[in-house]
Amino acid sequence: MGINAAVTSVLFGDLALAKMYAEAVEKIVGNEPKPDDYWMTATVADLQLIKGDYDRATKIFDAAVAMAPEAKGNHELLDKRGG
């Protein structure tokens, strides 16, 4: 739920609030890829993207794609989010 609040804050243009939510969620889920968990890894990457750590976000998005290379539709969603 917290990631949704962070993303919604970005969409409404409140980047400070988005970063606050992202940092709170990061305390729960961490900031590393989650082995064998595609969507959690994508969430961790989203958090990095929101926080402005684009290099780290790219690496984590890449890890998510590597976990499920056959999930082409999911990868398109990542591309649309910035991965």
PDB file of N, CA and C in Angstrom:
ATOM      1  N   MET A   1       0.818  -1.183   0.000  1.00  0.00           N
ATOM      2  CA  MET A   1       0.000   0.000   0.000  1.00  0.00           C
ATOM      3  C   MET A   1       0.872   1.261   0.000  1.00  0.00           C
ATOM      4  N   GLY A   2       1.977   1.239   0.707  1.00  0.00           N
ATOM      5  CA  GLY A   2       2.846   2.399   0.787  1.00  0.00           C
ATOM      6  C   GLY A   2       3.428   2.791  -0.555  1.00  0.00           C
ATOM      7  N   ILE A   3       3.773   1.793  -1.377  1.00  0.00           N
ATOM      8  CA  ILE A   3       4.316   2.111  -2.698  1.00  0.00           C
ATOM      9  C   ILE A   3       3.256   2.825  -3.533  1.00  0.00           C
ATOM     10  N   ASN A   4       1.994   2.430  -3.364  1.00  0.00           N
ATOM     11  CA  ASN A   4       0.920   3.100  -4.103  1.00  0.00           C
ATOM     12  C   ASN A   4       0.789   4.558  -3.671  1.00  0.00           C
ATOM     13  N   ALA A   5       0.928   4.821  -2.382  1.00  0.00           N
ATOM     14  CA  ALA A   5       0.877   6.205  -1.892  1.00  0.00           C
ATOM     15  C   ALA A   5       2.047   7.005  -2.453  1.00  0.00           C
ATOM     16  N   ALA A   6       3.217   6.381  -2.518  1.00  0.00           N
ATOM     17  CA  ALA A   6       4.387   7.073  -3.063  1.00  0.00           C
ATOM     18  C   ALA A   6       4.189   7.403  -4.533  1.00  0.00           C
ATOM     19  N   VAL A   7       3.735   6.432  -5.304  1.00  0.00           N
ATOM     20  CA  VAL A   7       3.523   6.654  -6.743  1.00  0.00           C
ATOM     21  C   VAL A   7       2.427   7.693  -6.971  1.00  0.00           C
ATOM     22  N   THR A   8       1.353   7.611  -6.204  1.00  0.00           N
ATOM     23  CA  THR A   8       0.271   8.591  -6.345  1.00  0.00           C
ATOM     24  C   THR A   8       0.773   9.996  -6.023  1.00  0.00           C
ATOM     25  N   SER A   9       1.625  10.105  -5.029  1.00  0.00           N
ATOM     26  CA  SER A   9       2.190  11.411  -4.691  1.00  0.00           C
ATOM     27  C   SER A   9       3.025  11.963  -5.837  1.00  0.00           C
ATOM     28  N   VAL A  10       3.767  11.085  -6.513  1.00  0.00           N
ATOM     29  CA  VAL A  10       4.528  11.519  -7.692  1.00  0.00           C
ATOM     30  C   VAL A  10       3.566  12.047  -8.749  1.00  0.00           C
ATOM     31  N   LEU A  11       2.500  11.286  -9.004  1.00  0.00           N
ATOM     32  CA  LEU A  11       1.542  11.683 -10.041  1.00  0.00           C
ATOM     33  C   LEU A  11       0.884  13.025  -9.727  1.00  0.00           C
ATOM     34  N   PHE A  12       0.706  13.317  -8.442  1.00  0.00           N
ATOM     35  CA  PHE A  12       0.128  14.600  -8.044  1.00  0.00           C
ATOM     36  C   PHE A  12       1.176  15.702  -7.911  1.00  0.00           C
ATOM     37  N   GLY A  13       2.442  15.344  -8.184  1.00  0.00           N
ATOM     38  CA  GLY A  13       3.493  16.343  -8.192  1.00  0.00           C
ATOM     39  C   GLY A  13       4.097  16.661  -6.835  1.00  0.00           C
ATOM     40  N   ASP A  14       3.768  15.875  -5.823  1.00  0.00           N
ATOM     41  CA  ASP A  14       4.321  16.114  -4.492  1.00  0.00           C
ATOM     42  C   ASP A  14       5.507  15.174  -4.279  1.00  0.00           C
ATOM     43  N   LEU A  15       6.653  15.545  -4.823  1.00  0.00           N
ATOM     44  CA  LEU A  15       7.831  14.686  -4.773  1.00  0.00           C
ATOM     45  C   LEU A  15       8.379  14.541  -3.363  1.00  0.00           C
ATOM     46  N   ALA A  16       8.252  15.561  -2.542  1.00  0.00           N
ATOM     47  CA  ALA A  16       8.730  15.461  -1.161  1.00  0.00           C
ATOM     48  C   ALA A  16       7.930  14.402  -0.399  1.00  0.00           C
ATOM     49  N   LEU A  17       6.625  14.409  -0.567  1.00  0.00           N
ATOM     50  CA  LEU A  17       5.786  13.401   0.089  1.00  0.00           C
ATOM     51  C   LEU A  17       6.076  12.016  -0.491  1.00  0.00           C
ATOM     52  N   ALA A  18       6.261  11.941  -1.792  1.00  0.00           N
ATOM     53  CA  ALA A  18       6.577  10.669  -2.437  1.00  0.00           C
ATOM     54  C   ALA A  18       7.865  10.076  -1.873  1.00  0.00           C
ATOM     55  N   LYS A  19       8.879  10.902  -1.709  1.00  0.00           N
ATOM     56  CA  LYS A  19      10.154  10.426  -1.144  1.00  0.00           C
ATOM     57  C   LYS A  19       9.979   9.986   0.302  1.00  0.00           C
ATOM     58  N   MET A  20       9.138  10.694   1.048  1.00  0.00           N
ATOM     59  CA  MET A  20       8.890  10.312   2.430  1.00  0.00           C
ATOM     60  C   MET A  20       8.256   8.916   2.487  1.00  0.00           C
ATOM     61  N   TYR A  21       7.242   8.696   1.649  1.00  0.00           N
ATOM     62  CA  TYR A  21       6.604   7.376   1.587  1.00  0.00           C
ATOM     63  C   TYR A  21       7.609   6.318   1.125  1.00  0.00           C
ATOM     64  N   ALA A  22       8.400   6.645   0.115  1.00  0.00           N
ATOM     65  CA  ALA A  22       9.369   5.684  -0.414  1.00  0.00           C
ATOM     66  C   ALA A  22      10.370   5.278   0.664  1.00  0.00           C
ATOM     67  N   GLU A  23      10.833   6.225   1.433  1.00  0.00           N
ATOM     68  CA  GLU A  23      11.791   5.917   2.497  1.00  0.00           C
ATOM     69  C   GLU A  23      11.153   5.058   3.588  1.00  0.00           C
ATOM     70  N   ALA A  24       9.878   5.311   3.897  1.00  0.00           N
ATOM     71  CA  ALA A  24       9.178   4.499   4.898  1.00  0.00           C
ATOM     72  C   ALA A  24       9.006   3.059   4.411  1.00  0.00           C
ATOM     73  N   VAL A  25       8.634   2.909   3.149  1.00  0.00           N
ATOM     74  CA  VAL A  25       8.453   1.561   2.592  1.00  0.00           C
ATOM     75  C   VAL A  25       9.802   0.849   2.507  1.00  0.00           C
ATOM     76  N   GLU A  26      10.836   1.581   2.142  1.00  0.00           N
ATOM     77  CA  GLU A  26      12.166   0.987   2.028  1.00  0.00           C
ATOM     78  C   GLU A  26      12.632   0.409   3.369  1.00  0.00           C
ATOM     79  N   LYS A  27      12.238   1.030   4.474  1.00  0.00           N
ATOM     80  CA  LYS A  27      12.584   0.493   5.797  1.00  0.00           C
ATOM     81  C   LYS A  27      11.959  -0.880   6.020  1.00  0.00           C
ATOM     82  N   ILE A  28      10.864  -1.153   5.346  1.00  0.00           N
ATOM     83  CA  ILE A  28      10.172  -2.440   5.486  1.00  0.00           C
ATOM     84  C   ILE A  28      10.729  -3.466   4.511  1.00  0.00           C
ATOM     85  N   VAL A  29      10.905  -3.074   3.254  1.00  0.00           N
ATOM     86  CA  VAL A  29      11.271  -4.050   2.211  1.00  0.00           C
ATOM     87  C   VAL A  29      12.756  -4.062   1.869  1.00  0.00           C
ATOM     88  N   GLY A  30      13.495  -3.057   2.332  1.00  0.00           N
ATOM     89  CA  GLY A  30      14.917  -2.995   2.029  1.00  0.00           C
ATOM     90  C   GLY A  30      15.196  -2.339   0.695  1.00  0.00           C
ATOM     91  N   ASN A  31      16.465  -2.440   0.265  1.00  0.00           N
ATOM     92  CA  ASN A  31      16.856  -1.773  -0.978  1.00  0.00           C
ATOM     93  C   ASN A  31      17.670  -2.687  -1.896  1.00  0.00           C
ATOM     94  N   GLU A  32      17.435  -3.983  -1.748  1.00  0.00           N
ATOM     95  CA  GLU A  32      18.114  -4.978  -2.581  1.00  0.00           C
ATOM     96  C   GLU A  32      17.082  -5.830  -3.307  1.00  0.00           C
ATOM     97  N   PRO A  33      17.462  -6.394  -4.462  1.00  0.00           N
ATOM     98  CA  PRO A  33      16.559  -7.326  -5.139  1.00  0.00           C
ATOM     99  C   PRO A  33      16.179  -8.479  -4.208  1.00  0.00           C
ATOM    100  N   LYS A  34      14.980  -8.975  -4.362  1.00  0.00           N
ATOM    101  CA  LYS A  34      14.477 -10.092  -3.551  1.00  0.00           C
ATOM    102  C   LYS A  34      14.510 -11.352  -4.400  1.00  0.00           C
ATOM    103  N   PRO A  35      15.418 -12.270  -4.101  1.00  0.00           N
ATOM    104  CA  PRO A  35      15.557 -13.487  -4.913  1.00  0.00           C
ATOM    105  C   PRO A  35      14.213 -14.200  -5.099  1.00  0.00           C
ATOM    106  N   ASP A  36      13.941 -14.537  -6.337  1.00  0.00           N
ATOM    107  CA  ASP A  36      12.726 -15.281  -6.705  1.00  0.00           C
ATOM    108  C   ASP A  36      11.431 -14.531  -6.419  1.00  0.00           C
ATOM    109  N   ASP A  37      11.484 -13.229  -6.260  1.00  0.00           N
ATOM    110  CA  ASP A  37      10.262 -12.445  -6.041  1.00  0.00           C
ATOM    111  C   ASP A  37      10.271 -11.243  -6.991  1.00  0.00           C
ATOM    112  N   TYR A  38       9.743 -11.490  -8.182  1.00  0.00           N
ATOM    113  CA  TYR A  38       9.740 -10.504  -9.260  1.00  0.00           C
ATOM    114  C   TYR A  38       9.098  -9.179  -8.826  1.00  0.00           C
ATOM    115  N   TRP A  39       7.867  -9.257  -8.303  1.00  0.00           N
ATOM    116  CA  TRP A  39       7.134  -8.028  -8.013  1.00  0.00           C
ATOM    117  C   TRP A  39       7.722  -7.270  -6.834  1.00  0.00           C
ATOM    118  N   MET A  40       8.231  -7.973  -5.823  1.00  0.00           N
ATOM    119  CA  MET A  40       8.865  -7.263  -4.717  1.00  0.00           C
ATOM    120  C   MET A  40      10.140  -6.571  -5.202  1.00  0.00           C
ATOM    121  N   THR A  41      10.873  -7.243  -6.071  1.00  0.00           N
ATOM    122  CA  THR A  41      12.080  -6.630  -6.626  1.00  0.00           C
ATOM    123  C   THR A  41      11.714  -5.405  -7.453  1.00  0.00           C
ATOM    124  N   ALA A  42      10.661  -5.497  -8.243  1.00  0.00           N
ATOM    125  CA  ALA A  42      10.212  -4.334  -9.022  1.00  0.00           C
ATOM    126  C   ALA A  42       9.781  -3.195  -8.095  1.00  0.00           C
ATOM    127  N   THR A  43       9.154  -3.541  -6.972  1.00  0.00           N
ATOM    128  CA  THR A  43       8.760  -2.528  -5.995  1.00  0.00           C
ATOM    129  C   THR A  43       9.984  -1.840  -5.409  1.00  0.00           C
ATOM    130  N   VAL A  44      10.996  -2.612  -5.059  1.00  0.00           N
ATOM    131  CA  VAL A  44      12.240  -2.043  -4.527  1.00  0.00           C
ATOM    132  C   VAL A  44      12.854  -1.101  -5.564  1.00  0.00           C
ATOM    133  N   ALA A  45      12.807  -1.492  -6.828  1.00  0.00           N
ATOM    134  CA  ALA A  45      13.326  -0.625  -7.893  1.00  0.00           C
ATOM    135  C   ALA A  45      12.506   0.659  -8.000  1.00  0.00           C
ATOM    136  N   ASP A  46      11.194   0.540  -7.894  1.00  0.00           N
ATOM    137  CA  ASP A  46      10.340   1.732  -7.918  1.00  0.00           C
ATOM    138  C   ASP A  46      10.727   2.709  -6.814  1.00  0.00           C
ATOM    139  N   LEU A  47      11.000   2.171  -5.639  1.00  0.00           N
ATOM    140  CA  LEU A  47      11.383   3.033  -4.517  1.00  0.00           C
ATOM    141  C   LEU A  47      12.643   3.818  -4.843  1.00  0.00           C
ATOM    142  N   GLN A  48      13.613   3.141  -5.453  1.00  0.00           N
ATOM    143  CA  GLN A  48      14.857   3.819  -5.818  1.00  0.00           C
ATOM    144  C   GLN A  48      14.602   4.892  -6.873  1.00  0.00           C
ATOM    145  N   LEU A  49      13.728   4.582  -7.802  1.00  0.00           N
ATOM    146  CA  LEU A  49      13.365   5.547  -8.840  1.00  0.00           C
ATOM    147  C   LEU A  49      12.749   6.795  -8.214  1.00  0.00           C
ATOM    148  N   ILE A  50      11.823   6.601  -7.301  1.00  0.00           N
ATOM    149  CA  ILE A  50      11.156   7.724  -6.640  1.00  0.00           C
ATOM    150  C   ILE A  50      12.161   8.543  -5.829  1.00  0.00           C
ATOM    151  N   LYS A  51      13.105   7.857  -5.198  1.00  0.00           N
ATOM    152  CA  LYS A  51      14.115   8.553  -4.400  1.00  0.00           C
ATOM    153  C   LYS A  51      15.171   9.242  -5.256  1.00  0.00           C
ATOM    154  N   GLY A  52      15.154   9.000  -6.570  1.00  0.00           N
ATOM    155  CA  GLY A  52      16.084   9.663  -7.472  1.00  0.00           C
ATOM    156  C   GLY A  52      17.391   8.940  -7.676  1.00  0.00           C
ATOM    157  N   ASP A  53      17.496   7.709  -7.205  1.00  0.00           N
ATOM    158  CA  ASP A  53      18.714   6.914  -7.407  1.00  0.00           C
ATOM    159  C   ASP A  53      18.522   6.085  -8.678  1.00  0.00           C
ATOM    160  N   TYR A  54      18.691   6.733  -9.813  1.00  0.00           N
ATOM    161  CA  TYR A  54      18.362   6.125 -11.106  1.00  0.00           C
ATOM    162  C   TYR A  54      19.277   4.968 -11.474  1.00  0.00           C
ATOM    163  N   ASP A  55      20.550   5.060 -11.136  1.00  0.00           N
ATOM    164  CA  ASP A  55      21.460   3.951 -11.441  1.00  0.00           C
ATOM    165  C   ASP A  55      21.069   2.703 -10.667  1.00  0.00           C
ATOM    166  N   ARG A  56      20.786   2.869  -9.383  1.00  0.00           N
ATOM    167  CA  ARG A  56      20.379   1.724  -8.555  1.00  0.00           C
ATOM    168  C   ARG A  56      19.032   1.172  -9.030  1.00  0.00           C
ATOM    169  N   ALA A  57      18.105   2.059  -9.362  1.00  0.00           N
ATOM    170  CA  ALA A  57      16.799   1.618  -9.853  1.00  0.00           C
ATOM    171  C   ALA A  57      16.964   0.772 -11.116  1.00  0.00           C
ATOM    172  N   THR A  58      17.826   1.211 -12.027  1.00  0.00           N
ATOM    173  CA  THR A  58      18.049   0.468 -13.267  1.00  0.00           C
ATOM    174  C   THR A  58      18.601  -0.914 -12.980  1.00  0.00           C
ATOM    175  N   LYS A  59      19.568  -1.007 -12.084  1.00  0.00           N
ATOM    176  CA  LYS A  59      20.155  -2.305 -11.744  1.00  0.00           C
ATOM    177  C   LYS A  59      19.127  -3.245 -11.128  1.00  0.00           C
ATOM    178  N   ILE A  60      18.268  -2.701 -10.278  1.00  0.00           N
ATOM    179  CA  ILE A  60      17.263  -3.545  -9.627  1.00  0.00           C
ATOM    180  C   ILE A  60      16.166  -3.928 -10.613  1.00  0.00           C
ATOM    181  N   PHE A  61      15.757  -3.003 -11.493  1.00  0.00           N
ATOM    182  CA  PHE A  61      14.803  -3.372 -12.542  1.00  0.00           C
ATOM    183  C   PHE A  61      15.390  -4.477 -13.415  1.00  0.00           C
ATOM    184  N   ASP A  62      16.671  -4.376 -13.753  1.00  0.00           N
ATOM    185  CA  ASP A  62      17.326  -5.424 -14.540  1.00  0.00           C
ATOM    186  C   ASP A  62      17.279  -6.762 -13.822  1.00  0.00           C
ATOM    187  N   ALA A  63      17.473  -6.738 -12.499  1.00  0.00           N
ATOM    188  CA  ALA A  63      17.400  -7.973 -11.715  1.00  0.00           C
ATOM    189  C   ALA A  63      15.995  -8.570 -11.764  1.00  0.00           C
ATOM    190  N   ALA A  64      14.985  -7.720 -11.713  1.00  0.00           N
ATOM    191  CA  ALA A  64      13.603  -8.199 -11.795  1.00  0.00           C
ATOM    192  C   ALA A  64      13.351  -8.875 -13.140  1.00  0.00           C
ATOM    193  N   VAL A  65      13.788  -8.242 -14.214  1.00  0.00           N
ATOM    194  CA  VAL A  65      13.603  -8.810 -15.550  1.00  0.00           C
ATOM    195  C   VAL A  65      14.339 -10.143 -15.668  1.00  0.00           C
ATOM    196  N   ALA A  66      15.524 -10.231 -15.092  1.00  0.00           N
ATOM    197  CA  ALA A  66      16.297 -11.481 -15.149  1.00  0.00           C
ATOM    198  C   ALA A  66      15.601 -12.615 -14.399  1.00  0.00           C
ATOM    199  N   MET A  67      14.786 -12.282 -13.406  1.00  0.00           N
ATOM    200  CA  MET A  67      14.060 -13.311 -12.643  1.00  0.00           C
ATOM    201  C   MET A  67      12.944 -13.948 -13.449  1.00  0.00           C
ATOM    202  N   ALA A  68      12.382 -13.190 -14.357  1.00  0.00           N
ATOM    203  CA  ALA A  68      11.227 -13.675 -15.120  1.00  0.00           C
ATOM    204  C   ALA A  68      11.345 -13.210 -16.565  1.00  0.00           C
ATOM    205  N   PRO A  69      12.344 -13.710 -17.299  1.00  0.00           N
ATOM    206  CA  PRO A  69      12.564 -13.218 -18.657  1.00  0.00           C
ATOM    207  C   PRO A  69      11.398 -13.480 -19.605  1.00  0.00           C
ATOM    208  N   GLU A  70      10.574 -14.459 -19.275  1.00  0.00           N
ATOM    209  CA  GLU A  70       9.441 -14.789 -20.146  1.00  0.00           C
ATOM    210  C   GLU A  70       8.224 -13.898 -19.898  1.00  0.00           C
ATOM    211  N   ALA A  71       8.236 -13.080 -18.880  1.00  0.00           N
ATOM    212  CA  ALA A  71       7.091 -12.254 -18.494  1.00  0.00           C
ATOM    213  C   ALA A  71       7.099 -10.936 -19.265  1.00  0.00           C
ATOM    214  N   LYS A  72       6.996 -11.023 -20.569  1.00  0.00           N
ATOM    215  CA  LYS A  72       7.125  -9.838 -21.432  1.00  0.00           C
ATOM    216  C   LYS A  72       6.127  -8.731 -21.087  1.00  0.00           C
ATOM    217  N   GLY A  73       4.887  -9.089 -20.777  1.00  0.00           N
ATOM    218  CA  GLY A  73       3.881  -8.082 -20.430  1.00  0.00           C
ATOM    219  C   GLY A  73       4.265  -7.318 -19.180  1.00  0.00           C
ATOM    220  N   ASN A  74       4.823  -8.013 -18.196  1.00  0.00           N
ATOM    221  CA  ASN A  74       5.269  -7.351 -16.973  1.00  0.00           C
ATOM    222  C   ASN A  74       6.427  -6.414 -17.263  1.00  0.00           C
ATOM    223  N   HIS A  75       7.307  -6.811 -18.156  1.00  0.00           N
ATOM    224  CA  HIS A  75       8.456  -5.967 -18.497  1.00  0.00           C
ATOM    225  C   HIS A  75       7.986  -4.678 -19.163  1.00  0.00           C
ATOM    226  N   GLU A  76       6.939  -4.778 -19.960  1.00  0.00           N
ATOM    227  CA  GLU A  76       6.402  -3.570 -20.582  1.00  0.00           C
ATOM    228  C   GLU A  76       5.896  -2.614 -19.511  1.00  0.00           C
ATOM    229  N   LEU A  77       5.285  -3.160 -18.443  1.00  0.00           N
ATOM    230  CA  LEU A  77       4.847  -2.311 -17.341  1.00  0.00           C
ATOM    231  C   LEU A  77       6.038  -1.628 -16.689  1.00  0.00           C
ATOM    232  N   LEU A  78       7.138  -2.365 -16.507  1.00  0.00           N
ATOM    233  CA  LEU A  78       8.334  -1.767 -15.924  1.00  0.00           C
ATOM    234  C   LEU A  78       8.860  -0.655 -16.815  1.00  0.00           C
ATOM    235  N   ASP A  79       8.863  -0.881 -18.134  1.00  0.00           N
ATOM    236  CA  ASP A  79       9.324   0.147 -19.059  1.00  0.00           C
ATOM    237  C   ASP A  79       8.493   1.417 -18.927  1.00  0.00           C
ATOM    238  N   LYS A  80       7.177   1.261 -18.781  1.00  0.00           N
ATOM    239  CA  LYS A  80       6.301   2.424 -18.672  1.00  0.00           C
ATOM    240  C   LYS A  80       6.513   3.165 -17.364  1.00  0.00           C
ATOM    241  N   ARG A  81       6.976   2.449 -16.321  1.00  0.00           N
ATOM    242  CA  ARG A  81       7.217   3.088 -15.021  1.00  0.00           C
ATOM    243  C   ARG A  81       8.590   3.715 -14.967  1.00  0.00           C
ATOM    244  N   GLY A  82       9.452   3.396 -15.915  1.00  0.00           N
ATOM    245  CA  GLY A  82      10.764   4.021 -15.903  1.00  0.00           C
ATOM    246  C   GLY A  82      11.903   3.047 -15.795  1.00  0.00           C
ATOM    247  N   GLY A  83      11.626   1.758 -15.779  1.00  0.00           N
ATOM    248  CA  GLY A  83      12.670   0.751 -15.636  1.00  0.00           C
ATOM    249  C   GLY A  83      13.433   0.497 -16.905  1.00  0.00           C
TER     250      GLY A  83
END
